[in-house]
Amino acid sequence: MKITLTQFVTLDGVFQAPGAPEEDASSGFPHGGWSVPFGDDDFGAFVTENFERADAFLLGRGTYEIFAGYWPKVSGDIVSDKLNALPKYVASTTLKSADWNNSHLIGAEDLAKDVTALKEQDGRELQLHGSGNLAQSLFQHDLIDTVHLMTFPVVLGSGKRLFAEGGLPTAFKLAQSRTTSTGVVISTYELNGRPEYGSYSLDQ
């Protein structure tokens, strides 16, 4: 399976708490829920297409707890049906149990090794949704194959950023891009090795 990341970010790269004020208020973050005003039919169509390809999910502890508190109460649509039925692998060194149906704890000793083993299983996509801290760890090991970056037309000025300083230099290839009616740019990038460098200097 390949690992795909679907992540909401602002123009200044913030991924923290897109869905609700109480989602993640760490470090006094005051902007939770910033993505909500931009939901529309175009956004919904992308979500449906994305979930149709899922054969399993990989989630960080925070995202897992948010999802587990909501989605088991919902049914009858592709998102809830897939999330409730398919395997969910939870990367955590602190959780003692994961009780949501078909949930499995990984990463207690060697996250990269556990995730690499999951990638070797048969299937289409092991989907990572949100889970920004986990995504940063996986980027460091080149374990994310595809990134669906949903860039919202808003700048917050503070908050956790997906591509933080000190990350592994990585090149991506743009595979697809679309824009929703509310101005969200949905870009799909494929992992493409390391960056190449040059110079615009007239002396070269």
Protein backbone atom coordinates (compact mmCIF):
# COMPACT_ATOMS: atom_id res chain seq x y z
CA MET A 1 0.00 0.00 0.00
CA LYS A 2 1.08 3.55 -0.52
CA ILE A 3 0.65 6.13 2.22
CA THR A 4 -1.36 9.21 1.32
CA LEU A 5 -1.64 12.27 3.55
CA THR A 6 -4.64 14.58 3.40
CA GLN A 7 -3.93 17.77 5.29
CA PHE A 8 -5.66 21.12 5.77
CA VAL A 9 -3.28 24.10 5.89
CA THR A 10 -3.54 27.87 5.87
CA LEU A 11 -1.58 30.08 3.49
CA ASP A 12 1.08 30.41 6.18
CA GLY A 13 1.27 26.64 6.64
CA VAL A 14 -0.70 26.17 9.88
CA PHE A 15 -2.47 22.81 10.31
CA GLN A 16 -3.55 23.15 13.93
CA ALA A 17 -7.23 22.72 14.87
CA PRO A 18 -8.95 23.27 11.51
CA GLY A 19 -12.27 21.75 12.57
CA ALA A 20 -13.25 23.25 15.92
CA PRO A 21 -12.02 25.64 18.65
CA GLU A 22 -11.59 22.79 21.15
CA GLU A 23 -9.78 20.49 18.73
CA ASP A 24 -6.28 21.59 19.77
CA ALA A 25 -5.83 24.71 21.88
CA SER A 26 -2.24 23.87 22.87
CA SER A 27 0.15 26.83 23.26
CA GLY A 28 -2.93 29.04 23.62
CA PHE A 29 -3.94 28.65 19.95
CA PRO A 30 -6.99 30.96 19.53
CA HIS A 31 -8.01 30.19 15.93
CA GLY A 32 -9.55 26.71 16.08
CA GLY A 33 -12.21 26.01 13.47
CA TRP A 34 -10.64 28.14 10.74
CA SER A 35 -11.50 25.73 7.89
CA VAL A 36 -15.23 25.43 8.61
CA PRO A 37 -16.49 28.50 6.66
CA PHE A 38 -14.97 27.12 3.44
CA GLY A 39 -16.91 23.85 3.20
CA ASP A 40 -18.90 23.41 -0.03
CA ASP A 41 -19.97 20.77 -2.56
CA ASP A 42 -16.58 20.82 -4.29
CA PHE A 43 -14.88 20.08 -1.00
CA GLY A 44 -17.34 17.26 -0.31
CA ALA A 45 -16.78 15.73 -3.73
CA PHE A 46 -13.03 15.55 -3.13
CA VAL A 47 -13.52 13.95 0.28
CA THR A 48 -15.78 11.28 -1.25
CA GLU A 49 -13.29 10.51 -4.05
CA ASN A 50 -10.47 10.30 -1.53
CA PHE A 51 -12.20 7.93 0.87
CA GLU A 52 -13.26 5.63 -1.98
CA ARG A 53 -9.57 4.69 -2.39
CA ALA A 54 -8.92 3.89 1.28
CA ASP A 55 -8.10 0.35 2.38
CA ALA A 56 -6.79 1.30 5.85
CA PHE A 57 -6.05 4.36 7.97
CA LEU A 58 -2.98 5.56 9.85
CA LEU A 59 -3.66 8.10 12.58
CA GLY A 60 -1.82 9.98 15.29
CA ARG A 61 -3.09 9.79 18.84
CA GLY A 62 -4.82 13.18 18.84
CA THR A 63 -6.64 12.67 15.54
CA TYR A 64 -7.59 9.13 16.55
CA GLU A 65 -9.19 10.33 19.78
CA ILE A 66 -11.13 13.05 17.95
CA PHE A 67 -12.32 10.60 15.28
CA ALA A 68 -13.16 7.87 17.82
CA GLY A 69 -15.30 10.31 19.77
CA TYR A 70 -17.42 11.17 16.74
CA TRP A 71 -17.47 8.70 13.85
CA PRO A 72 -18.76 5.58 15.68
CA LYS A 73 -21.98 7.54 16.23
CA VAL A 74 -22.40 8.17 12.49
CA SER A 75 -23.32 5.82 9.63
CA GLY A 76 -24.69 5.74 6.11
CA ASP A 77 -22.03 7.70 4.22
CA ILE A 78 -18.69 6.71 2.75
CA VAL A 79 -16.57 8.50 5.35
CA SER A 80 -18.25 6.96 8.39
CA ASP A 81 -18.62 3.54 6.79
CA LYS A 82 -14.95 3.36 5.82
CA LEU A 83 -13.65 4.74 9.11
CA ASN A 84 -15.81 2.46 11.21
CA ALA A 85 -15.07 -0.73 9.27
CA LEU A 86 -11.51 -0.58 7.92
CA PRO A 87 -8.31 -1.20 9.90
CA LYS A 88 -7.06 1.82 11.83
CA TYR A 89 -3.42 1.90 12.88
CA VAL A 90 -2.75 4.34 15.71
CA ALA A 91 0.79 5.61 16.21
CA SER A 92 1.27 6.26 19.90
CA THR A 93 3.72 5.63 22.71
CA THR A 94 1.23 6.64 25.41
CA LEU A 95 -2.09 4.96 24.59
CA LYS A 96 -2.65 1.69 26.42
CA SER A 97 -5.62 0.60 24.32
CA ALA A 98 -7.54 1.58 21.19
CA ASP A 99 -11.12 0.37 21.51
CA TRP A 100 -12.72 1.68 18.32
CA ASN A 101 -13.56 -1.22 16.01
CA ASN A 102 -10.60 -2.67 14.11
CA SER A 103 -8.03 -0.36 15.76
CA HIS A 104 -4.41 -1.39 16.32
CA LEU A 105 -1.63 0.36 18.23
CA ILE A 106 1.77 0.71 16.52
CA GLY A 107 4.99 2.61 17.02
CA ALA A 108 5.66 1.83 20.66
CA GLU A 109 9.27 0.86 19.88
CA ASP A 110 10.06 1.70 16.24
CA LEU A 111 7.50 3.77 14.32
CA ALA A 112 9.37 3.76 11.01
CA LYS A 113 9.75 -0.03 11.09
CA ASP A 114 6.07 -0.56 11.90
CA VAL A 115 4.89 1.81 9.17
CA THR A 116 7.25 0.28 6.62
CA ALA A 117 5.73 -3.12 7.39
CA LEU A 118 2.23 -1.71 6.82
CA LYS A 119 3.29 -0.32 3.44
CA GLU A 120 4.35 -3.82 2.41
CA GLN A 121 0.81 -5.15 2.84
CA ASP A 122 -1.49 -5.56 -0.15
CA GLY A 123 -3.94 -2.76 -0.82
CA ARG A 124 -4.38 0.61 -2.46
CA GLU A 125 -4.02 3.39 0.10
CA LEU A 126 -3.11 3.58 3.76
CA GLN A 127 -4.61 7.01 4.40
CA LEU A 128 -3.27 9.51 6.89
CA HIS A 129 -5.76 12.27 7.72
CA GLY A 130 -4.68 15.27 9.77
CA SER A 131 -2.22 13.88 12.34
CA GLY A 132 0.29 16.62 11.58
CA ASN A 133 2.87 15.59 14.17
CA LEU A 134 2.83 12.01 12.87
CA ALA A 135 3.11 13.26 9.30
CA GLN A 136 6.23 15.23 10.21
CA SER A 137 7.83 12.06 11.61
CA LEU A 138 6.98 10.09 8.48
CA PHE A 139 8.33 12.82 6.18
CA GLN A 140 11.68 12.42 7.93
CA HIS A 141 11.80 8.81 6.68
CA ASP A 142 10.34 9.37 3.17
CA LEU A 143 7.38 7.17 4.12
CA ILE A 144 4.62 9.39 2.69
CA ASP A 145 4.09 8.78 -1.03
CA THR A 146 1.31 11.25 -1.85
CA VAL A 147 0.21 14.51 -0.24
CA HIS A 148 -3.23 16.02 -0.78
CA LEU A 149 -2.63 19.54 0.45
CA MET A 150 -5.81 21.55 0.96
CA THR A 151 -4.70 25.18 1.17
CA PHE A 152 -7.28 27.57 2.62
CA PRO A 153 -7.25 31.30 1.79
CA VAL A 154 -6.55 32.48 5.32
CA VAL A 155 -3.45 33.53 7.28
CA LEU A 156 -3.40 32.99 11.06
CA GLY A 157 0.07 34.12 12.09
CA SER A 158 0.50 31.43 14.74
CA GLY A 159 0.00 27.71 15.23
CA LYS A 160 1.66 24.42 14.40
CA ARG A 161 3.06 24.30 10.86
CA LEU A 162 3.18 21.19 8.71
CA PHE A 163 6.62 21.84 7.21
CA ALA A 164 8.50 23.07 10.21
CA GLU A 165 12.12 24.21 10.31
CA GLY A 166 14.56 21.30 10.38
CA GLY A 167 12.55 18.99 8.15
CA LEU A 168 14.12 16.67 5.60
CA PRO A 169 14.68 18.45 2.24
CA THR A 170 12.25 16.72 -0.11
CA ALA A 171 11.07 17.26 -3.68
CA PHE A 172 7.50 16.65 -4.81
CA LYS A 173 5.86 16.51 -8.22
CA LEU A 174 2.48 18.17 -8.73
CA ALA A 175 0.08 15.51 -9.99
CA GLN A 176 -3.25 17.35 -9.87
CA SER A 177 -4.78 20.61 -8.70
CA ARG A 178 -8.28 21.97 -8.40
CA THR A 179 -9.96 24.92 -6.70
CA THR A 180 -13.25 24.84 -4.81
CA SER A 181 -15.95 27.50 -5.12
CA THR A 182 -14.81 29.00 -1.79
CA GLY A 183 -11.19 29.29 -2.90
CA VAL A 184 -9.62 26.22 -1.31
CA VAL A 185 -6.80 24.94 -3.53
CA ILE A 186 -6.56 21.14 -3.44
CA SER A 187 -3.17 20.07 -4.75
CA THR A 188 -1.93 16.50 -5.03
CA TYR A 189 1.83 15.99 -4.82
CA GLU A 190 3.85 12.80 -5.36
CA LEU A 191 7.15 12.18 -3.59
CA ASN A 192 9.99 12.94 -6.03
CA GLY A 193 13.31 12.46 -4.27
CA ARG A 194 15.54 15.32 -3.19
CA PRO A 195 15.48 18.96 -4.30
CA GLU A 196 17.73 20.05 -7.15
CA TYR A 197 19.55 23.36 -6.96
CA GLY A 198 20.80 25.97 -9.41
CA SER A 199 21.51 29.65 -9.71
CA TYR A 200 20.00 32.65 -11.52
CA SER A 201 23.27 34.52 -11.18
CA LEU A 202 24.35 36.29 -14.38
CA ASP A 203 27.90 35.24 -13.62
CA GLN A 204 27.15 31.57 -14.18
